[in-house]
Amino acid sequence: MTFTPQNLYDEFAIEVKTLKGEKIGYIPAAYSEEIFEYIQGDHDLRVEIIRLTARKVEIKITSGN
């Protein structure tokens, strides 16, 4: 996950990529500020893709800290 401050639609936009660096999409704006705070707090976050379709990505985010 990468914070993308240049996003025009969400000031806390978090981009989600695969381990190979391929863009999957963004964390929904309703959750992005909370995830941003975890990233800024240097938490160890793990993202697991639960379901991936052409129009939707369902992920699970857990913190190791």
C-alpha atoms as a PDB file:
ATOM      1  CA  MET A   1       0.000   0.000   0.000  1.00  0.00           C
ATOM      2  CA  THR A   2       1.229   3.455  -0.882  1.00  0.00           C
ATOM      3  CA  PHE A   3      -0.022   6.860   0.259  1.00  0.00           C
ATOM      4  CA  THR A   4      -0.801   8.963  -2.847  1.00  0.00           C
ATOM      5  CA  PRO A   5      -1.228  12.596  -1.760  1.00  0.00           C
ATOM      6  CA  GLN A   6      -1.595  13.806  -5.370  1.00  0.00           C
ATOM      7  CA  ASN A   7      -5.012  12.065  -5.644  1.00  0.00           C
ATOM      8  CA  LEU A   8      -7.645  14.723  -6.417  1.00  0.00           C
ATOM      9  CA  TYR A   9     -10.565  12.784  -4.916  1.00  0.00           C
ATOM     10  CA  ASP A  10      -9.204  11.687  -1.537  1.00  0.00           C
ATOM     11  CA  GLU A  11      -6.560  13.546   0.468  1.00  0.00           C
ATOM     12  CA  PHE A  12      -5.691  10.294   2.279  1.00  0.00           C
ATOM     13  CA  ALA A  13      -5.725   8.068  -0.829  1.00  0.00           C
ATOM     14  CA  ILE A  14      -3.977   4.737  -0.377  1.00  0.00           C
ATOM     15  CA  GLU A  15      -3.051   2.828  -3.522  1.00  0.00           C
ATOM     16  CA  VAL A  16      -2.954  -0.973  -3.339  1.00  0.00           C
ATOM     17  CA  LYS A  17      -0.432  -2.872  -5.486  1.00  0.00           C
ATOM     18  CA  THR A  18       0.564  -6.492  -5.917  1.00  0.00           C
ATOM     19  CA  LEU A  19       3.981  -7.716  -4.785  1.00  0.00           C
ATOM     20  CA  LYS A  20       5.069  -7.228  -8.414  1.00  0.00           C
ATOM     21  CA  GLY A  21       4.063  -3.544  -8.256  1.00  0.00           C
ATOM     22  CA  GLU A  22       0.904  -3.850 -10.356  1.00  0.00           C
ATOM     23  CA  LYS A  23      -1.812  -1.398  -9.328  1.00  0.00           C
ATOM     24  CA  ILE A  24      -5.007  -3.056  -8.081  1.00  0.00           C
ATOM     25  CA  GLY A  25      -6.877   0.052  -6.956  1.00  0.00           C
ATOM     26  CA  TYR A  26      -7.430   2.245  -3.898  1.00  0.00           C
ATOM     27  CA  ILE A  27      -8.645   1.776  -0.343  1.00  0.00           C
ATOM     28  CA  PRO A  28     -12.205   3.213  -0.206  1.00  0.00           C
ATOM     29  CA  ALA A  29     -12.221   6.831   0.989  1.00  0.00           C
ATOM     30  CA  ALA A  30     -14.338   5.869   4.024  1.00  0.00           C
ATOM     31  CA  TYR A  31     -11.327   3.910   5.368  1.00  0.00           C
ATOM     32  CA  SER A  32      -8.330   5.673   3.858  1.00  0.00           C
ATOM     33  CA  GLU A  33      -7.716   8.180   6.670  1.00  0.00           C
ATOM     34  CA  GLU A  34      -7.535   5.407   9.282  1.00  0.00           C
ATOM     35  CA  ILE A  35      -5.179   3.333   7.112  1.00  0.00           C
ATOM     36  CA  PHE A  36      -3.109   6.483   6.454  1.00  0.00           C
ATOM     37  CA  GLU A  37      -2.667   6.939  10.227  1.00  0.00           C
ATOM     38  CA  TYR A  38      -1.397   3.359  10.541  1.00  0.00           C
ATOM     39  CA  ILE A  39       1.078   3.922   7.710  1.00  0.00           C
ATOM     40  CA  GLN A  40       2.293   7.196   9.251  1.00  0.00           C
ATOM     41  CA  GLY A  41       2.626   5.435  12.621  1.00  0.00           C
ATOM     42  CA  ASP A  42       5.063   2.961  11.061  1.00  0.00           C
ATOM     43  CA  HIS A  43       2.806  -0.028  11.746  1.00  0.00           C
ATOM     44  CA  ASP A  44       3.493  -3.355  10.081  1.00  0.00           C
ATOM     45  CA  LEU A  45       0.398  -3.855   7.897  1.00  0.00           C
ATOM     46  CA  ARG A  46      -0.474  -7.015   5.991  1.00  0.00           C
ATOM     47  CA  VAL A  47      -2.925  -6.910   3.098  1.00  0.00           C
ATOM     48  CA  GLU A  48      -4.601 -10.078   1.876  1.00  0.00           C
ATOM     49  CA  ILE A  49      -6.763 -10.196  -1.243  1.00  0.00           C
ATOM     50  CA  ILE A  50      -9.953 -12.071  -0.385  1.00  0.00           C
ATOM     51  CA  ARG A  51     -11.728 -11.685  -3.723  1.00  0.00           C
ATOM     52  CA  LEU A  52     -10.756  -9.969  -6.980  1.00  0.00           C
ATOM     53  CA  THR A  53     -13.175  -9.360  -9.832  1.00  0.00           C
ATOM     54  CA  ALA A  54     -13.153  -6.962 -12.779  1.00  0.00           C
ATOM     55  CA  ARG A  55     -15.088  -4.361 -10.764  1.00  0.00           C
ATOM     56  CA  LYS A  56     -14.310  -5.032  -7.110  1.00  0.00           C
ATOM     57  CA  VAL A  57     -11.452  -5.957  -4.806  1.00  0.00           C
ATOM     58  CA  GLU A  58     -12.167  -7.310  -1.348  1.00  0.00           C
ATOM     59  CA  ILE A  59      -9.164  -7.129   0.967  1.00  0.00           C
ATOM     60  CA  LYS A  60      -8.348  -7.868   4.587  1.00  0.00           C
ATOM     61  CA  ILE A  61      -5.895  -5.598   6.414  1.00  0.00           C
ATOM     62  CA  THR A  62      -4.249  -6.665   9.660  1.00  0.00           C
ATOM     63  CA  SER A  63      -1.660  -4.935  11.826  1.00  0.00           C
ATOM     64  CA  GLY A  64       1.318  -6.664  13.360  1.00  0.00           C
ATOM     65  CA  ASN A  65       1.850  -3.826  15.880  1.00  0.00           C
END
